Amino acid sequence: MSRFVSAAFCALFMIAFSLTDANAATGKAVYDANCSACHKDGIMGAPKTGNKPAWAPRIAQGMTVLVNKSVAGYQGKKGMMPAKGGNPKLTNAEVKLAVEYMVNLSK
């Protein structure tokens, strides 16, 4: 019985790890195709990906706030974020993965 339980936990771990890799790859692909146009060079006040001081106050708001603003769009004092980065064909899940990708590069 314990071998069965160990095998089950191992399988679940491998599935979770594979999903994480797939999510990261999707987040990068969405970022490269959509988000990098502004976040690579800081266009329209977008925080540059990897700029830790610029991202710190945004990250402090939490992922839910970041994702909601990215999906719905946002007008701030320093710039604006068009809804879904200007690509209405993106799903909310794709936007979330792209935001997670940028946040992970900017911590």
PDB file of N, CA and C in Angstrom:
ATOM      1  N   MET A   1       0.816  -1.189   0.000  1.00  0.00           N
ATOM      2  CA  MET A   1       0.000   0.000   0.000  1.00  0.00           C
ATOM      3  C   MET A   1       0.864   1.259   0.000  1.00  0.00           C
ATOM      4  N   SER A   2       1.946   1.264   0.777  1.00  0.00           N
ATOM      5  CA  SER A   2       2.776   2.463   0.846  1.00  0.00           C
ATOM      6  C   SER A   2       3.472   2.733  -0.493  1.00  0.00           C
ATOM      7  N   ARG A   3       3.802   1.672  -1.245  1.00  0.00           N
ATOM      8  CA  ARG A   3       4.398   1.886  -2.573  1.00  0.00           C
ATOM      9  C   ARG A   3       3.396   2.556  -3.502  1.00  0.00           C
ATOM     10  N   PHE A   4       2.144   2.161  -3.382  1.00  0.00           N
ATOM     11  CA  PHE A   4       1.092   2.763  -4.204  1.00  0.00           C
ATOM     12  C   PHE A   4       0.950   4.244  -3.868  1.00  0.00           C
ATOM     13  N   VAL A   5       0.931   4.582  -2.605  1.00  0.00           N
ATOM     14  CA  VAL A   5       0.799   5.968  -2.165  1.00  0.00           C
ATOM     15  C   VAL A   5       2.016   6.772  -2.622  1.00  0.00           C
ATOM     16  N   SER A   6       3.197   6.215  -2.474  1.00  0.00           N
ATOM     17  CA  SER A   6       4.416   6.893  -2.916  1.00  0.00           C
ATOM     18  C   SER A   6       4.393   7.135  -4.419  1.00  0.00           C
ATOM     19  N   ALA A   7       3.971   6.149  -5.171  1.00  0.00           N
ATOM     20  CA  ALA A   7       3.888   6.291  -6.626  1.00  0.00           C
ATOM     21  C   ALA A   7       2.862   7.351  -7.006  1.00  0.00           C
ATOM     22  N   ALA A   8       1.751   7.389  -6.297  1.00  0.00           N
ATOM     23  CA  ALA A   8       0.711   8.386  -6.579  1.00  0.00           C
ATOM     24  C   ALA A   8       1.228   9.797  -6.305  1.00  0.00           C
ATOM     25  N   PHE A   9       1.905   9.993  -5.189  1.00  0.00           N
ATOM     26  CA  PHE A   9       2.466  11.306  -4.878  1.00  0.00           C
ATOM     27  C   PHE A   9       3.516  11.713  -5.901  1.00  0.00           C
ATOM     28  N   CYS A  10       4.329  10.779  -6.305  1.00  0.00           N
ATOM     29  CA  CYS A  10       5.355  11.048  -7.309  1.00  0.00           C
ATOM     30  C   CYS A  10       4.704  11.475  -8.628  1.00  0.00           C
ATOM     31  N   ALA A  11       3.654  10.778  -9.039  1.00  0.00           N
ATOM     32  CA  ALA A  11       2.948  11.110 -10.280  1.00  0.00           C
ATOM     33  C   ALA A  11       2.323  12.493 -10.190  1.00  0.00           C
ATOM     34  N   LEU A  12       1.700  12.817  -9.071  1.00  0.00           N
ATOM     35  CA  LEU A  12       1.099  14.132  -8.895  1.00  0.00           C
ATOM     36  C   LEU A  12       2.151  15.232  -8.939  1.00  0.00           C
ATOM     37  N   PHE A  13       3.286  14.989  -8.334  1.00  0.00           N
ATOM     38  CA  PHE A  13       4.379  15.952  -8.353  1.00  0.00           C
ATOM     39  C   PHE A  13       4.849  16.196  -9.780  1.00  0.00           C
ATOM     40  N   MET A  14       5.008  15.140 -10.542  1.00  0.00           N
ATOM     41  CA  MET A  14       5.476  15.268 -11.927  1.00  0.00           C
ATOM     42  C   MET A  14       4.461  16.021 -12.789  1.00  0.00           C
ATOM     43  N   ILE A  15       3.185  15.750 -12.588  1.00  0.00           N
ATOM     44  CA  ILE A  15       2.147  16.457 -13.337  1.00  0.00           C
ATOM     45  C   ILE A  15       2.161  17.941 -12.981  1.00  0.00           C
ATOM     46  N   ALA A  16       2.241  18.253 -11.696  1.00  0.00           N
ATOM     47  CA  ALA A  16       2.270  19.648 -11.264  1.00  0.00           C
ATOM     48  C   ALA A  16       3.495  20.354 -11.819  1.00  0.00           C
ATOM     49  N   PHE A  17       4.639  19.699 -11.811  1.00  0.00           N
ATOM     50  CA  PHE A  17       5.864  20.284 -12.334  1.00  0.00           C
ATOM     51  C   PHE A  17       5.744  20.531 -13.830  1.00  0.00           C
ATOM     52  N   SER A  18       5.149  19.604 -14.569  1.00  0.00           N
ATOM     53  CA  SER A  18       4.958  19.762 -16.008  1.00  0.00           C
ATOM     54  C   SER A  18       4.022  20.918 -16.312  1.00  0.00           C
ATOM     55  N   LEU A  19       2.955  21.064 -15.537  1.00  0.00           N
ATOM     56  CA  LEU A  19       2.026  22.174 -15.745  1.00  0.00           C
ATOM     57  C   LEU A  19       2.702  23.507 -15.481  1.00  0.00           C
ATOM     58  N   THR A  20       3.555  23.555 -14.465  1.00  0.00           N
ATOM     59  CA  THR A  20       4.282  24.779 -14.162  1.00  0.00           C
ATOM     60  C   THR A  20       5.176  25.165 -15.322  1.00  0.00           C
ATOM     61  N   ASP A  21       5.882  24.212 -15.895  1.00  0.00           N
ATOM     62  CA  ASP A  21       6.739  24.479 -17.048  1.00  0.00           C
ATOM     63  C   ASP A  21       5.918  24.949 -18.242  1.00  0.00           C
ATOM     64  N   ALA A  22       4.780  24.312 -18.480  1.00  0.00           N
ATOM     65  CA  ALA A  22       3.918  24.697 -19.599  1.00  0.00           C
ATOM     66  C   ALA A  22       3.365  26.099 -19.379  1.00  0.00           C
ATOM     67  N   ASN A  23       2.974  26.414 -18.145  1.00  0.00           N
ATOM     68  CA  ASN A  23       2.457  27.747 -17.841  1.00  0.00           C
ATOM     69  C   ASN A  23       3.523  28.809 -18.044  1.00  0.00           C
ATOM     70  N   ALA A  24       4.746  28.528 -17.613  1.00  0.00           N
ATOM     71  CA  ALA A  24       5.839  29.482 -17.795  1.00  0.00           C
ATOM     72  C   ALA A  24       6.118  29.696 -19.282  1.00  0.00           C
ATOM     73  N   ALA A  25       6.082  28.635 -20.061  1.00  0.00           N
ATOM     74  CA  ALA A  25       6.321  28.756 -21.506  1.00  0.00           C
ATOM     75  C   ALA A  25       5.211  29.565 -22.162  1.00  0.00           C
ATOM     76  N   THR A  26       3.975  29.334 -21.753  1.00  0.00           N
ATOM     77  CA  THR A  26       2.859  30.100 -22.304  1.00  0.00           C
ATOM     78  C   THR A  26       2.974  31.560 -21.897  1.00  0.00           C
ATOM     79  N   GLY A  27       3.298  31.818 -20.641  1.00  0.00           N
ATOM     80  CA  GLY A  27       3.476  33.194 -20.171  1.00  0.00           C
ATOM     81  C   GLY A  27       4.543  33.927 -20.949  1.00  0.00           C
ATOM     82  N   LYS A  28       5.659  33.262 -21.214  1.00  0.00           N
ATOM     83  CA  LYS A  28       6.736  33.874 -21.999  1.00  0.00           C
ATOM     84  C   LYS A  28       6.279  34.133 -23.428  1.00  0.00           C
ATOM     85  N   ALA A  29       5.574  33.194 -24.023  1.00  0.00           N
ATOM     86  CA  ALA A  29       5.105  33.361 -25.403  1.00  0.00           C
ATOM     87  C   ALA A  29       4.132  34.535 -25.509  1.00  0.00           C
ATOM     88  N   VAL A  30       3.209  34.648 -24.555  1.00  0.00           N
ATOM     89  CA  VAL A  30       2.260  35.768 -24.558  1.00  0.00           C
ATOM     90  C   VAL A  30       3.011  37.077 -24.342  1.00  0.00           C
ATOM     91  N   TYR A  31       3.954  37.090 -23.407  1.00  0.00           N
ATOM     92  CA  TYR A  31       4.776  38.281 -23.160  1.00  0.00           C
ATOM     93  C   TYR A  31       5.518  38.686 -24.430  1.00  0.00           C
ATOM     94  N   ASP A  32       6.204  37.736 -25.053  1.00  0.00           N
ATOM     95  CA  ASP A  32       6.997  38.043 -26.242  1.00  0.00           C
ATOM     96  C   ASP A  32       6.137  38.608 -27.373  1.00  0.00           C
ATOM     97  N   ALA A  33       4.932  38.052 -27.547  1.00  0.00           N
ATOM     98  CA  ALA A  33       4.070  38.449 -28.656  1.00  0.00           C
ATOM     99  C   ALA A  33       3.264  39.717 -28.378  1.00  0.00           C
ATOM    100  N   ASN A  34       3.051  40.053 -27.115  1.00  0.00           N
ATOM    101  CA  ASN A  34       2.139  41.155 -26.792  1.00  0.00           C
ATOM    102  C   ASN A  34       2.734  42.189 -25.840  1.00  0.00           C
ATOM    103  N   CYS A  35       3.224  41.747 -24.716  1.00  0.00           N
ATOM    104  CA  CYS A  35       3.607  42.647 -23.629  1.00  0.00           C
ATOM    105  C   CYS A  35       4.953  43.329 -23.836  1.00  0.00           C
ATOM    106  N   SER A  36       5.872  42.625 -24.478  1.00  0.00           N
ATOM    107  CA  SER A  36       7.220  43.160 -24.623  1.00  0.00           C
ATOM    108  C   SER A  36       7.254  44.444 -25.440  1.00  0.00           C
ATOM    109  N   ALA A  37       6.255  44.661 -26.277  1.00  0.00           N
ATOM    110  CA  ALA A  37       6.215  45.880 -27.089  1.00  0.00           C
ATOM    111  C   ALA A  37       6.308  47.129 -26.206  1.00  0.00           C
ATOM    112  N   CYS A  38       5.706  47.095 -25.038  1.00  0.00           N
ATOM    113  CA  CYS A  38       5.771  48.227 -24.113  1.00  0.00           C
ATOM    114  C   CYS A  38       6.708  47.972 -22.938  1.00  0.00           C
ATOM    115  N   HIS A  39       6.658  46.763 -22.368  1.00  0.00           N
ATOM    116  CA  HIS A  39       7.403  46.487 -21.140  1.00  0.00           C
ATOM    117  C   HIS A  39       8.891  46.285 -21.364  1.00  0.00           C
ATOM    118  N   LYS A  40       9.320  46.035 -22.581  1.00  0.00           N
ATOM    119  CA  LYS A  40      10.759  45.885 -22.848  1.00  0.00           C
ATOM    120  C   LYS A  40      11.470  47.235 -22.714  1.00  0.00           C
ATOM    121  N   ASP A  41      10.838  48.301 -23.243  1.00  0.00           N
ATOM    122  CA  ASP A  41      11.479  49.616 -23.259  1.00  0.00           C
ATOM    123  C   ASP A  41      10.779  50.667 -22.410  1.00  0.00           C
ATOM    124  N   GLY A  42       9.708  50.300 -21.714  1.00  0.00           N
ATOM    125  CA  GLY A  42       9.014  51.247 -20.850  1.00  0.00           C
ATOM    126  C   GLY A  42       8.132  52.236 -21.595  1.00  0.00           C
ATOM    127  N   ILE A  43       7.577  51.832 -22.705  1.00  0.00           N
ATOM    128  CA  ILE A  43       6.711  52.698 -23.501  1.00  0.00           C
ATOM    129  C   ILE A  43       5.394  52.950 -22.767  1.00  0.00           C
ATOM    130  N   MET A  44       4.860  54.141 -22.887  1.00  0.00           N
ATOM    131  CA  MET A  44       3.600  54.569 -22.253  1.00  0.00           C
ATOM    132  C   MET A  44       3.637  54.419 -20.740  1.00  0.00           C
ATOM    133  N   GLY A  45       4.805  54.532 -20.146  1.00  0.00           N
ATOM    134  CA  GLY A  45       4.936  54.442 -18.703  1.00  0.00           C
ATOM    135  C   GLY A  45       4.945  53.027 -18.156  1.00  0.00           C
ATOM    136  N   ALA A  46       5.010  52.037 -19.038  1.00  0.00           N
ATOM    137  CA  ALA A  46       5.036  50.641 -18.584  1.00  0.00           C
ATOM    138  C   ALA A  46       6.324  50.383 -17.818  1.00  0.00           C
ATOM    139  N   PRO A  47       6.234  49.689 -16.678  1.00  0.00           N
ATOM    140  CA  PRO A  47       7.473  49.349 -15.975  1.00  0.00           C
ATOM    141  C   PRO A  47       8.258  48.333 -16.802  1.00  0.00           C
ATOM    142  N   LYS A  48       9.537  48.600 -16.974  1.00  0.00           N
ATOM    143  CA  LYS A  48      10.368  47.677 -17.749  1.00  0.00           C
ATOM    144  C   LYS A  48      10.486  46.339 -17.025  1.00  0.00           C
ATOM    145  N   THR A  49      10.324  45.295 -17.782  1.00  0.00           N
ATOM    146  CA  THR A  49      10.471  43.956 -17.219  1.00  0.00           C
ATOM    147  C   THR A  49      11.878  43.804 -16.666  1.00  0.00           C
ATOM    148  N   GLY A  50      11.968  43.358 -15.437  1.00  0.00           N
ATOM    149  CA  GLY A  50      13.259  43.175 -14.784  1.00  0.00           C
ATOM    150  C   GLY A  50      13.682  44.348 -13.927  1.00  0.00           C
ATOM    151  N   ASN A  51      12.996  45.479 -14.021  1.00  0.00           N
ATOM    152  CA  ASN A  51      13.327  46.661 -13.227  1.00  0.00           C
ATOM    153  C   ASN A  51      12.690  46.508 -11.841  1.00  0.00           C
ATOM    154  N   LYS A  52      13.459  45.974 -10.923  1.00  0.00           N
ATOM    155  CA  LYS A  52      12.930  45.641  -9.596  1.00  0.00           C
ATOM    156  C   LYS A  52      12.338  46.842  -8.853  1.00  0.00           C
ATOM    157  N   PRO A  53      13.008  48.012  -8.841  1.00  0.00           N
ATOM    158  CA  PRO A  53      12.402  49.149  -8.132  1.00  0.00           C
ATOM    159  C   PRO A  53      11.068  49.594  -8.730  1.00  0.00           C
ATOM    160  N   ALA A  54      10.927  49.519 -10.036  1.00  0.00           N
ATOM    161  CA  ALA A  54       9.668  49.920 -10.677  1.00  0.00           C
ATOM    162  C   ALA A  54       8.554  48.917 -10.402  1.00  0.00           C
ATOM    163  N   TRP A  55       8.918  47.660 -10.297  1.00  0.00           N
ATOM    164  CA  TRP A  55       7.906  46.617 -10.095  1.00  0.00           C
ATOM    165  C   TRP A  55       7.540  46.400  -8.632  1.00  0.00           C
ATOM    166  N   ALA A  56       8.433  46.735  -7.707  1.00  0.00           N
ATOM    167  CA  ALA A  56       8.208  46.440  -6.288  1.00  0.00           C
ATOM    168  C   ALA A  56       6.856  46.939  -5.768  1.00  0.00           C
ATOM    169  N   PRO A  57       6.481  48.213  -5.999  1.00  0.00           N
ATOM    170  CA  PRO A  57       5.177  48.643  -5.472  1.00  0.00           C
ATOM    171  C   PRO A  57       4.000  47.963  -6.170  1.00  0.00           C
ATOM    172  N   ARG A  58       4.188  47.585  -7.403  1.00  0.00           N
ATOM    173  CA  ARG A  58       3.134  46.878  -8.125  1.00  0.00           C
ATOM    174  C   ARG A  58       2.982  45.456  -7.588  1.00  0.00           C
ATOM    175  N   ILE A  59       4.097  44.789  -7.398  1.00  0.00           N
ATOM    176  CA  ILE A  59       4.078  43.423  -6.864  1.00  0.00           C
ATOM    177  C   ILE A  59       3.468  43.414  -5.466  1.00  0.00           C
ATOM    178  N   ALA A  60       3.738  44.470  -4.689  1.00  0.00           N
ATOM    179  CA  ALA A  60       3.198  44.560  -3.328  1.00  0.00           C
ATOM    180  C   ALA A  60       1.666  44.602  -3.323  1.00  0.00           C
ATOM    181  N   GLN A  61       1.054  45.024  -4.428  1.00  0.00           N
ATOM    182  CA  GLN A  61      -0.413  45.054  -4.503  1.00  0.00           C
ATOM    183  C   GLN A  61      -1.010  43.651  -4.587  1.00  0.00           C
ATOM    184  N   GLY A  62      -0.214  42.692  -5.002  1.00  0.00           N
ATOM    185  CA  GLY A  62      -0.680  41.315  -5.117  1.00  0.00           C
ATOM    186  C   GLY A  62      -1.034  40.960  -6.555  1.00  0.00           C
ATOM    187  N   MET A  63      -0.955  39.677  -6.829  1.00  0.00           N
ATOM    188  CA  MET A  63      -1.207  39.187  -8.186  1.00  0.00           C
ATOM    189  C   MET A  63      -2.632  39.450  -8.652  1.00  0.00           C
ATOM    190  N   THR A  64      -3.590  39.345  -7.760  1.00  0.00           N
ATOM    191  CA  THR A  64      -4.982  39.551  -8.165  1.00  0.00           C
ATOM    192  C   THR A  64      -5.172  40.961  -8.721  1.00  0.00           C
ATOM    193  N   VAL A  65      -4.630  41.963  -8.049  1.00  0.00           N
ATOM    194  CA  VAL A  65      -4.750  43.349  -8.504  1.00  0.00           C
ATOM    195  C   VAL A  65      -4.014  43.529  -9.828  1.00  0.00           C
ATOM    196  N   LEU A  66      -2.797  43.009  -9.918  1.00  0.00           N
ATOM    197  CA  LEU A  66      -2.027  43.139 -11.155  1.00  0.00           C
ATOM    198  C   LEU A  66      -2.751  42.506 -12.346  1.00  0.00           C
ATOM    199  N   VAL A  67      -3.263  41.333 -12.143  1.00  0.00           N
ATOM    200  CA  VAL A  67      -3.958  40.639 -13.227  1.00  0.00           C
ATOM    201  C   VAL A  67      -5.246  41.373 -13.589  1.00  0.00           C
ATOM    202  N   ASN A  68      -6.011  41.797 -12.594  1.00  0.00           N
ATOM    203  CA  ASN A  68      -7.263  42.510 -12.876  1.00  0.00           C
ATOM    204  C   ASN A  68      -7.009  43.793 -13.665  1.00  0.00           C
ATOM    205  N   LYS A  69      -5.983  44.546 -13.283  1.00  0.00           N
ATOM    206  CA  LYS A  69      -5.650  45.774 -14.012  1.00  0.00           C
ATOM    207  C   LYS A  69      -5.165  45.463 -15.418  1.00  0.00           C
ATOM    208  N   SER A  70      -4.451  44.378 -15.579  1.00  0.00           N
ATOM    209  CA  SER A  70      -3.955  43.993 -16.898  1.00  0.00           C
ATOM    210  C   SER A  70      -5.084  43.521 -17.808  1.00  0.00           C
ATOM    211  N   VAL A  71      -6.057  42.855 -17.249  1.00  0.00           N
ATOM    212  CA  VAL A  71      -7.204  42.379 -18.030  1.00  0.00           C
ATOM    213  C   VAL A  71      -8.123  43.546 -18.394  1.00  0.00           C
ATOM    214  N   ALA A  72      -8.457  44.381 -17.412  1.00  0.00           N
ATOM    215  CA  ALA A  72      -9.433  45.459 -17.614  1.00  0.00           C
ATOM    216  C   ALA A  72      -8.824  46.726 -18.196  1.00  0.00           C
ATOM    217  N   GLY A  73      -7.524  46.892 -18.020  1.00  0.00           N
ATOM    218  CA  GLY A  73      -6.868  48.139 -18.407  1.00  0.00           C
ATOM    219  C   GLY A  73      -6.753  49.053 -17.199  1.00  0.00           C
ATOM    220  N   TYR A  74      -5.853  50.026 -17.306  1.00  0.00           N
ATOM    221  CA  TYR A  74      -5.584  50.881 -16.157  1.00  0.00           C
ATOM    222  C   TYR A  74      -4.996  52.201 -16.638  1.00  0.00           C
ATOM    223  N   GLN A  75      -5.449  53.296 -16.071  1.00  0.00           N
ATOM    224  CA  GLN A  75      -4.889  54.625 -16.332  1.00  0.00           C
ATOM    225  C   GLN A  75      -4.263  55.116 -15.040  1.00  0.00           C
ATOM    226  N   GLY A  76      -2.946  55.269 -15.026  1.00  0.00           N
ATOM    227  CA  GLY A  76      -2.258  55.725 -13.827  1.00  0.00           C
ATOM    228  C   GLY A  76      -1.680  57.111 -14.010  1.00  0.00           C
ATOM    229  N   LYS A  77      -0.965  57.604 -13.005  1.00  0.00           N
ATOM    230  CA  LYS A  77      -0.345  58.932 -13.071  1.00  0.00           C
ATOM    231  C   LYS A  77       0.818  58.961 -14.057  1.00  0.00           C
ATOM    232  N   LYS A  78       1.516  57.832 -14.186  1.00  0.00           N
ATOM    233  CA  LYS A  78       2.709  57.795 -15.026  1.00  0.00           C
ATOM    234  C   LYS A  78       2.470  57.174 -16.397  1.00  0.00           C
ATOM    235  N   GLY A  79       1.319  56.596 -16.612  1.00  0.00           N
ATOM    236  CA  GLY A  79       1.087  55.938 -17.891  1.00  0.00           C
ATOM    237  C   GLY A  79      -0.216  55.168 -17.885  1.00  0.00           C
ATOM    238  N   MET A  80      -0.365  54.345 -18.888  1.00  0.00           N
ATOM    239  CA  MET A  80      -1.596  53.574 -18.998  1.00  0.00           C
ATOM    240  C   MET A  80      -1.304  52.170 -19.488  1.00  0.00           C
ATOM    241  N   MET A  81      -2.247  51.297 -19.134  1.00  0.00           N
ATOM    242  CA  MET A  81      -2.178  49.898 -19.545  1.00  0.00           C
ATOM    243  C   MET A  81      -3.465  49.608 -20.299  1.00  0.00           C
ATOM    244  N   PRO A  82      -3.379  49.350 -21.603  1.00  0.00           N
ATOM    245  CA  PRO A  82      -4.612  49.006 -22.318  1.00  0.00           C
ATOM    246  C   PRO A  82      -5.118  47.630 -21.875  1.00  0.00           C
ATOM    247  N   ALA A  83      -6.418  47.454 -21.928  1.00  0.00           N
ATOM    248  CA  ALA A  83      -7.006  46.161 -21.557  1.00  0.00           C
ATOM    249  C   ALA A  83      -6.349  45.055 -22.370  1.00  0.00           C
ATOM    250  N   LYS A  84      -5.931  44.010 -21.669  1.00  0.00           N
ATOM    251  CA  LYS A  84      -5.281  42.843 -22.273  1.00  0.00           C
ATOM    252  C   LYS A  84      -4.113  43.241 -23.180  1.00  0.00           C
ATOM    253  N   GLY A  85      -3.436  44.321 -22.783  1.00  0.00           N
ATOM    254  CA  GLY A  85      -2.279  44.778 -23.549  1.00  0.00           C
ATOM    255  C   GLY A  85      -2.636  45.198 -24.963  1.00  0.00           C
ATOM    256  N   GLY A  86      -3.894  45.510 -25.175  1.00  0.00           N
ATOM    257  CA  GLY A  86      -4.334  45.924 -26.498  1.00  0.00           C
ATOM    258  C   GLY A  86      -4.719  44.775 -27.414  1.00  0.00           C
ATOM    259  N   ASN A  87      -4.695  43.555 -26.888  1.00  0.00           N
ATOM    260  CA  ASN A  87      -5.056  42.388 -27.693  1.00  0.00           C
ATOM    261  C   ASN A  87      -6.298  41.719 -27.094  1.00  0.00           C
ATOM    262  N   PRO A  88      -7.482  42.085 -27.574  1.00  0.00           N
ATOM    263  CA  PRO A  88      -8.708  41.518 -26.997  1.00  0.00           C
ATOM    264  C   PRO A  88      -8.870  40.024 -27.225  1.00  0.00           C
ATOM    265  N   LYS A  89      -8.052  39.435 -28.089  1.00  0.00           N
ATOM    266  CA  LYS A  89      -8.146  37.991 -28.337  1.00  0.00           C
ATOM    267  C   LYS A  89      -7.513  37.159 -27.228  1.00  0.00           C
ATOM    268  N   LEU A  90      -6.703  37.799 -26.382  1.00  0.00           N
ATOM    269  CA  LEU A  90      -6.091  37.068 -25.272  1.00  0.00           C
ATOM    270  C   LEU A  90      -7.156  36.680 -24.256  1.00  0.00           C
ATOM    271  N   THR A  91      -7.008  35.493 -23.705  1.00  0.00           N
ATOM    272  CA  THR A  91      -7.889  35.085 -22.615  1.00  0.00           C
ATOM    273  C   THR A  91      -7.369  35.675 -21.311  1.00  0.00           C
ATOM    274  N   ASN A  92      -8.218  35.735 -20.321  1.00  0.00           N
ATOM    275  CA  ASN A  92      -7.790  36.197 -19.005  1.00  0.00           C
ATOM    276  C   ASN A  92      -6.678  35.307 -18.455  1.00  0.00           C
ATOM    277  N   ALA A  93      -6.761  34.019 -18.716  1.00  0.00           N
ATOM    278  CA  ALA A  93      -5.738  33.074 -18.251  1.00  0.00           C
ATOM    279  C   ALA A  93      -4.388  33.364 -18.915  1.00  0.00           C
ATOM    280  N   GLU A  94      -4.399  33.700 -20.194  1.00  0.00           N
ATOM    281  CA  GLU A  94      -3.150  34.026 -20.886  1.00  0.00           C
ATOM    282  C   GLU A  94      -2.541  35.310 -20.328  1.00  0.00           C
ATOM    283  N   VAL A  95      -3.374  36.293 -20.056  1.00  0.00           N
ATOM    284  CA  VAL A  95      -2.889  37.541 -19.462  1.00  0.00           C
ATOM    285  C   VAL A  95      -2.274  37.251 -18.103  1.00  0.00           C
ATOM    286  N   LYS A  96      -2.940  36.430 -17.313  1.00  0.00           N
ATOM    287  CA  LYS A  96      -2.424  36.070 -15.985  1.00  0.00           C
ATOM    288  C   LYS A  96      -1.053  35.414 -16.087  1.00  0.00           C
ATOM    289  N   LEU A  97      -0.886  34.498 -17.026  1.00  0.00           N
ATOM    290  CA  LEU A  97       0.406  33.822 -17.186  1.00  0.00           C
ATOM    291  C   LEU A  97       1.497  34.805 -17.617  1.00  0.00           C
ATOM    292  N   ALA A  98       1.148  35.762 -18.461  1.00  0.00           N
ATOM    293  CA  ALA A  98       2.126  36.770 -18.884  1.00  0.00           C
ATOM    294  C   ALA A  98       2.508  37.670 -17.712  1.00  0.00           C
ATOM    295  N   VAL A  99       1.540  38.049 -16.901  1.00  0.00           N
ATOM    296  CA  VAL A  99       1.823  38.877 -15.718  1.00  0.00           C
ATOM    297  C   VAL A  99       2.716  38.094 -14.763  1.00  0.00           C
ATOM    298  N   GLU A 100       2.412  36.842 -14.529  1.00  0.00           N
ATOM    299  CA  GLU A 100       3.257  36.015 -13.651  1.00  0.00           C
ATOM    300  C   GLU A 100       4.679  35.928 -14.197  1.00  0.00           C
ATOM    301  N   TYR A 101       4.819  35.793 -15.496  1.00  0.00           N
ATOM    302  CA  TYR A 101       6.137  35.725 -16.125  1.00  0.00           C
ATOM    303  C   TYR A 101       6.913  37.027 -15.863  1.00  0.00           C
ATOM    304  N   MET A 102       6.261  38.183 -16.073  1.00  0.00           N
ATOM    305  CA  MET A 102       6.937  39.462 -15.852  1.00  0.00           C
ATOM    306  C   MET A 102       7.295  39.662 -14.385  1.00  0.00           C
ATOM    307  N   VAL A 103       6.378  39.292 -13.506  1.00  0.00           N
ATOM    308  CA  VAL A 103       6.625  39.441 -12.070  1.00  0.00           C
ATOM    309  C   VAL A 103       7.819  38.582 -11.653  1.00  0.00           C
ATOM    310  N   ASN A 104       7.871  37.349 -12.139  1.00  0.00           N
ATOM    311  CA  ASN A 104       8.985  36.476 -11.785  1.00  0.00           C
ATOM    312  C   ASN A 104      10.323  37.020 -12.269  1.00  0.00           C
ATOM    313  N   LEU A 105      10.330  37.714 -13.397  1.00  0.00           N
ATOM    314  CA  LEU A 105      11.570  38.319 -13.887  1.00  0.00           C
ATOM    315  C   LEU A 105      11.911  39.625 -13.166  1.00  0.00           C
ATOM    316  N   SER A 106      10.951  40.162 -12.439  1.00  0.00           N
ATOM    317  CA  SER A 106      11.112  41.493 -11.857  1.00  0.00           C
ATOM    318  C   SER A 106      11.177  41.496 -10.333  1.00  0.00           C
ATOM    319  N   LYS A 107      11.281  40.335  -9.725  1.00  0.00           N
ATOM    320  CA  LYS A 107      11.398  40.246  -8.256  1.00  0.00           C
ATOM    321  C   LYS A 107      12.825  40.455  -7.828  1.00  0.00           C
TER     322      LYS A 107
END
